Each structure stands twice: as C-alpha cells, then as structure tokens.
Amino acid sequence: MDTPPETSGRVVLVPTPIGNLADITLRALEILRSADRIACEDTRHSGQLLAHHGISGKPLVSLHEHNEARRAPDLIAAVRAGETIAVISDAGMPGISDPGYRLVQACIESGTPLEVLPGPSAVITALIGSGFPCHAFHFGGFLSVKSGKRRSALTRALESGETGIFFESPHRILSTLEILAELSPHARTCVARELTKKFETYHRGSATEVLAYFQAHPAKGEIVLLVHAAE
C-alpha cells in the first residue's frame, strides 16, 4: 500500500441523538460546526438536528446504504485535499445498522485519517435499562422479515446464555413475540420503545406476559427487543 500524502483532513464519525435532541456531546457539536462538509444518511432529517443546534451553512452530502460504496472514493479524495468530513446517520452511531461501515473500510484500506467519537447508542441504552445481564450480550441488528429466520435468530439468542438484542418494527413485534413465547414462554423479555423520547417505555416480563400486553396494546414507535433465557 502506498503511503498517503500528508493531510490535515480526516473523516470523523459523529453519533447523534437517538431521540432527545439534547443528547449530543460538546465534542460532537464542535466537529459538526468546524467540518468542511457533513455526510448524512438523510440530509433533510439531519438538517433538522443541525438547525436545532444552530448549525447552518454547511454543505451536506447524502451517504446512505445505496450510494455509500460509490461515494466513499470521492469523500476520501476530499480528505486528502485537506477537508474534514463529519459523518452522521439518522440516529445513534454511524455503522450500527446504519451507513458508515463501507466508508470506514475504505479509510482503513487507503490509510485515510479516521476518527470515531463516542456517543448515543440505542443498543447500550436499552441493554442497561432492561435490567438484563450486561456482562455479555449479542446484538443481532434488525430481525428478518421472514418468520423462519426470526425464529432461528431468537433460538440462537436463547441458547447462547447471553442477552440478545434486536431492532424490530412495530408492525412485526407482535408476530415476533408470538414466536418467542412459543419457543420459551418464560424467557425474560423486554420491549424498549421510543428511547429518550417523551413516550419512552420499557415493558419487562416473561415472553408470554409481554406478548399479552402488546396483544392488548398495539406497539408504536421505534423498538429494541431484548431476550434472555429463563433462569
């Protein structure tokens, strides 16, 4: 690999709030204010966050799952020309079920300066709030739309002995809980909804109990599902 030229530019992955717009670090705001441009999963969505914090006039470029691989070389070329590029997703840490992974790989392969800031994550927030064991856990990302694959993922989580964490759609959570209750009626289950937002809720109980609740109260909003084998 060729040694990259000296540059003062870099790519900075900046976590953004998962709900409450106040949940952003001073360092993240500093980077967003000083960056030469900001790569966003959705420029309109990110524009609202930037406006809330008084950040305006920044060039925004879209960086999402459908164009990330194609756009990465252009962003790296800009960094080599001296630009600092902040990368944000719609919520939380870029790269965690969001764009960012391909750009990070491209930076590493090309020797392009890369920095990752710490910050909000729905995975860790839900894990701690669930009250489930957190010394070892598995994050499985979004559960599949196919029921057979969901069953397999939940089975592996229950058999692992660790806390399993998944993102799930409010349109599928009921069928997912039905699968979970069938696999292990007494499995420790938590549905964390709308984390950090006004209507945040944690519903904890056995798989059967949590299923019964959502059968009577249809779920809305963004959901993190946590499971742990019954003790």
Protein backbone atom coordinates (compact mmCIF):
# COMPACT_ATOMS: atom_id res chain seq x y z
CA MET A 1 0.00 0.00 0.00
CA ASP A 2 1.29 3.46 -0.91
CA THR A 3 1.83 5.92 1.92
CA PRO A 4 -0.89 8.58 1.72
CA PRO A 5 0.19 12.21 1.33
CA GLU A 6 0.34 14.47 4.36
CA THR A 7 -3.07 16.00 5.03
CA SER A 8 -4.80 17.94 7.76
CA GLY A 9 -8.16 16.46 6.78
CA ARG A 10 -9.95 13.48 8.25
CA VAL A 11 -13.20 11.55 8.36
CA VAL A 12 -14.99 11.82 11.70
CA LEU A 13 -17.91 9.54 12.61
CA VAL A 14 -20.22 11.55 14.85
CA PRO A 15 -23.00 9.85 16.88
CA THR A 16 -26.24 11.81 17.01
CA PRO A 17 -29.22 11.65 19.41
CA ILE A 18 -31.45 8.58 19.23
CA GLY A 19 -34.46 10.66 20.21
CA ASN A 20 -33.93 13.59 22.54
CA LEU A 21 -32.04 16.25 20.56
CA ALA A 22 -30.23 17.38 23.71
CA ASP A 23 -28.34 14.08 23.87
CA ILE A 24 -25.29 15.18 21.92
CA THR A 25 -21.79 15.81 23.21
CA LEU A 26 -19.96 19.14 23.16
CA ARG A 27 -17.23 17.49 21.11
CA ALA A 28 -19.76 16.26 18.53
CA LEU A 29 -21.15 19.77 18.16
CA GLU A 30 -17.64 21.17 17.79
CA ILE A 31 -16.91 18.76 14.94
CA LEU A 32 -20.21 19.47 13.20
CA ARG A 33 -19.55 23.22 13.40
CA SER A 34 -15.98 23.01 12.15
CA ALA A 35 -16.31 20.30 9.46
CA ASP A 36 -15.93 21.33 5.83
CA ARG A 37 -18.90 19.19 4.90
CA ILE A 38 -21.27 16.73 6.57
CA ALA A 39 -22.20 13.35 5.07
CA CYS A 40 -25.73 12.44 6.16
CA GLU A 41 -27.90 9.35 5.87
CA ASP A 42 -30.83 11.69 5.14
CA THR A 43 -29.96 15.34 4.53
CA ARG A 44 -33.48 16.55 5.36
CA HIS A 45 -33.58 14.66 8.67
CA SER A 46 -30.07 15.79 9.62
CA GLY A 47 -30.91 19.35 8.64
CA GLN A 48 -33.44 19.47 11.46
CA LEU A 49 -30.83 18.36 14.00
CA LEU A 50 -28.30 20.90 12.75
CA ALA A 51 -30.86 23.70 12.80
CA HIS A 52 -31.85 22.80 16.37
CA HIS A 53 -28.24 23.34 17.44
CA GLY A 54 -27.76 26.50 15.39
CA ILE A 55 -25.50 24.96 12.77
CA SER A 56 -26.15 26.38 9.32
CA GLY A 57 -24.44 26.93 6.02
CA LYS A 58 -22.68 23.56 6.00
CA PRO A 59 -22.54 21.66 2.69
CA LEU A 60 -24.49 18.42 3.17
CA VAL A 61 -23.96 15.30 1.07
CA SER A 62 -26.10 12.17 1.21
CA LEU A 63 -24.42 8.94 2.33
CA HIS A 64 -26.82 6.01 2.60
CA GLU A 65 -26.81 2.27 2.03
CA HIS A 66 -27.48 2.62 -1.71
CA ASN A 67 -24.64 5.05 -2.51
CA GLU A 68 -22.04 4.60 0.24
CA ALA A 69 -19.66 2.35 -1.70
CA ARG A 70 -19.85 4.62 -4.74
CA ARG A 71 -19.43 7.86 -2.77
CA ALA A 72 -16.59 6.73 -0.48
CA PRO A 73 -13.77 7.41 -3.01
CA ASP A 74 -14.97 10.99 -3.53
CA LEU A 75 -15.06 11.63 0.22
CA ILE A 76 -11.60 10.16 0.67
CA ALA A 77 -10.28 12.34 -2.16
CA ALA A 78 -11.74 15.38 -0.39
CA VAL A 79 -9.98 14.41 2.86
CA ARG A 80 -6.69 14.04 1.02
CA ALA A 81 -7.23 17.56 -0.29
CA GLY A 82 -7.45 18.75 3.32
CA GLU A 83 -11.16 18.59 4.16
CA THR A 84 -12.60 17.36 7.44
CA ILE A 85 -15.77 15.41 6.76
CA ALA A 86 -18.23 14.62 9.55
CA VAL A 87 -20.36 11.52 9.03
CA ILE A 88 -23.75 11.18 10.74
CA SER A 89 -26.67 8.78 10.44
CA ASP A 90 -30.30 9.46 11.24
CA ALA A 91 -29.76 8.45 14.87
CA GLY A 92 -27.08 6.95 17.07
CA MET A 93 -23.69 5.64 15.99
CA PRO A 94 -22.96 5.53 12.25
CA GLY A 95 -22.24 1.96 11.16
CA ILE A 96 -24.55 0.28 13.69
CA SER A 97 -27.34 -0.88 11.36
CA ASP A 98 -26.68 2.42 9.56
CA PRO A 99 -24.33 3.64 6.81
CA GLY A 100 -20.69 4.09 7.77
CA TYR A 101 -19.10 0.63 7.63
CA ARG A 102 -18.06 0.81 3.96
CA LEU A 103 -16.57 4.27 4.37
CA VAL A 104 -14.60 3.15 7.43
CA GLN A 105 -13.25 0.17 5.48
CA ALA A 106 -12.26 2.45 2.60
CA CYS A 107 -10.47 4.80 5.01
CA ILE A 108 -8.54 1.95 6.59
CA GLU A 109 -7.57 0.43 3.23
CA SER A 110 -6.38 3.77 1.85
CA GLY A 111 -4.69 5.00 5.02
CA THR A 112 -7.07 7.96 5.26
CA PRO A 113 -7.21 9.59 8.73
CA LEU A 114 -10.27 8.39 10.63
CA GLU A 115 -11.73 9.38 13.98
CA VAL A 116 -14.74 7.93 15.83
CA LEU A 117 -16.47 9.91 18.56
CA PRO A 118 -18.33 8.20 21.43
CA GLY A 119 -21.98 8.92 21.92
CA PRO A 120 -25.60 7.71 21.96
CA SER A 121 -26.49 4.13 21.08
CA ALA A 122 -29.94 2.56 21.33
CA VAL A 123 -28.28 -0.84 21.86
CA ILE A 124 -26.45 0.09 25.06
CA THR A 125 -29.26 2.32 26.34
CA ALA A 126 -31.81 -0.49 26.00
CA LEU A 127 -29.45 -3.08 27.48
CA ILE A 128 -28.85 -1.11 30.67
CA GLY A 129 -32.50 -0.09 31.00
CA SER A 130 -33.75 -3.65 30.58
CA GLY A 131 -32.11 -4.83 33.78
CA PHE A 132 -30.88 -7.95 31.97
CA PRO A 133 -27.31 -9.26 32.38
CA CYS A 134 -24.96 -6.95 30.52
CA HIS A 135 -21.55 -8.53 31.11
CA ALA A 136 -22.00 -10.43 27.83
CA PHE A 137 -24.54 -9.74 25.11
CA HIS A 138 -25.20 -10.22 21.41
CA PHE A 139 -26.56 -7.55 19.09
CA GLY A 140 -28.33 -9.11 16.12
CA GLY A 141 -29.34 -5.95 14.27
CA PHE A 142 -32.74 -5.86 12.59
CA LEU A 143 -34.66 -9.13 12.76
CA SER A 144 -35.55 -10.62 9.39
CA VAL A 145 -38.93 -10.04 7.79
CA LYS A 146 -39.04 -13.82 7.27
CA SER A 147 -40.52 -15.65 10.25
CA GLY A 148 -38.23 -18.67 9.84
CA LYS A 149 -35.10 -16.53 10.10
CA ARG A 150 -36.55 -14.67 13.08
CA ARG A 151 -37.19 -17.99 14.80
CA SER A 152 -33.61 -19.09 14.16
CA ALA A 153 -32.18 -15.82 15.48
CA LEU A 154 -34.28 -15.95 18.65
CA THR A 155 -33.39 -19.60 19.21
CA ARG A 156 -29.68 -18.81 18.99
CA ALA A 157 -30.10 -15.92 21.41
CA LEU A 158 -31.91 -18.08 23.96
CA GLU A 159 -29.38 -20.88 23.70
CA SER A 160 -26.36 -18.56 23.99
CA GLY A 161 -26.85 -17.74 27.66
CA GLU A 162 -26.25 -14.08 26.81
CA THR A 163 -28.66 -11.19 26.47
CA GLY A 164 -29.87 -10.96 22.88
CA ILE A 165 -30.63 -7.50 21.48
CA PHE A 166 -32.51 -6.84 18.26
CA PHE A 167 -34.16 -3.97 16.41
CA GLU A 168 -37.75 -4.74 15.39
CA SER A 169 -40.52 -3.00 13.51
CA PRO A 170 -43.75 -2.11 15.36
CA HIS A 171 -45.56 -3.87 12.51
CA ARG A 172 -43.81 -7.18 13.24
CA ILE A 173 -43.20 -7.08 17.00
CA LEU A 174 -46.42 -8.97 17.76
CA SER A 175 -45.60 -11.88 15.47
CA THR A 176 -42.04 -11.89 16.82
CA LEU A 177 -43.29 -12.08 20.40
CA GLU A 178 -45.59 -14.93 19.38
CA ILE A 179 -42.58 -16.84 18.07
CA LEU A 180 -40.61 -16.09 21.23
CA ALA A 181 -43.46 -17.19 23.52
CA GLU A 182 -43.76 -20.41 21.56
CA LEU A 183 -40.02 -21.09 21.81
CA SER A 184 -39.72 -20.21 25.50
CA PRO A 185 -42.82 -18.96 27.35
CA HIS A 186 -40.82 -17.97 30.43
CA ALA A 187 -37.92 -16.27 28.63
CA ARG A 188 -37.03 -12.90 30.13
CA THR A 189 -38.27 -10.34 27.63
CA CYS A 190 -38.08 -6.58 27.34
CA VAL A 191 -39.53 -4.30 24.69
CA ALA A 192 -37.89 -0.87 24.89
CA ARG A 193 -39.81 1.76 22.92
CA GLU A 194 -39.07 5.33 21.84
CA LEU A 195 -35.87 5.54 23.87
CA THR A 196 -35.03 9.01 25.23
CA LYS A 197 -38.25 10.44 23.76
CA LYS A 198 -41.32 11.79 25.57
CA PHE A 199 -43.22 8.49 25.43
CA GLU A 200 -40.29 6.17 26.28
CA THR A 201 -41.39 2.86 27.80
CA TYR A 202 -39.82 -0.40 28.97
CA HIS A 203 -42.11 -3.44 29.11
CA ARG A 204 -40.47 -6.29 31.01
CA GLY A 205 -41.70 -9.76 31.89
CA SER A 206 -41.86 -13.29 30.56
CA ALA A 207 -42.33 -13.77 26.82
CA THR A 208 -45.95 -14.73 27.49
CA GLU A 209 -46.61 -11.67 29.66
CA VAL A 210 -45.07 -9.21 27.22
CA LEU A 211 -46.95 -10.83 24.33
CA ALA A 212 -50.24 -10.46 26.20
CA TYR A 213 -49.56 -6.78 26.82
CA PHE A 214 -48.89 -5.98 23.17
CA GLN A 215 -51.86 -8.05 22.04
CA ALA A 216 -53.98 -5.61 24.02
CA HIS A 217 -51.88 -2.51 23.26
CA PRO A 218 -50.57 -2.36 19.66
CA ALA A 219 -46.99 -1.14 19.55
CA LYS A 220 -45.92 2.15 18.02
CA GLY A 221 -42.58 3.83 17.51
CA GLU A 222 -39.01 2.56 17.35
CA ILE A 223 -38.41 -0.70 19.20
CA VAL A 224 -35.48 -2.57 20.73
CA LEU A 225 -36.27 -6.17 21.74
CA LEU A 226 -34.17 -7.87 24.41
CA VAL A 227 -34.32 -11.55 25.37
CA HIS A 228 -32.58 -13.72 27.92
CA ALA A 229 -33.17 -17.36 28.72
CA ALA A 230 -35.31 -18.01 31.80
CA GLU A 231 -33.25 -18.69 34.92
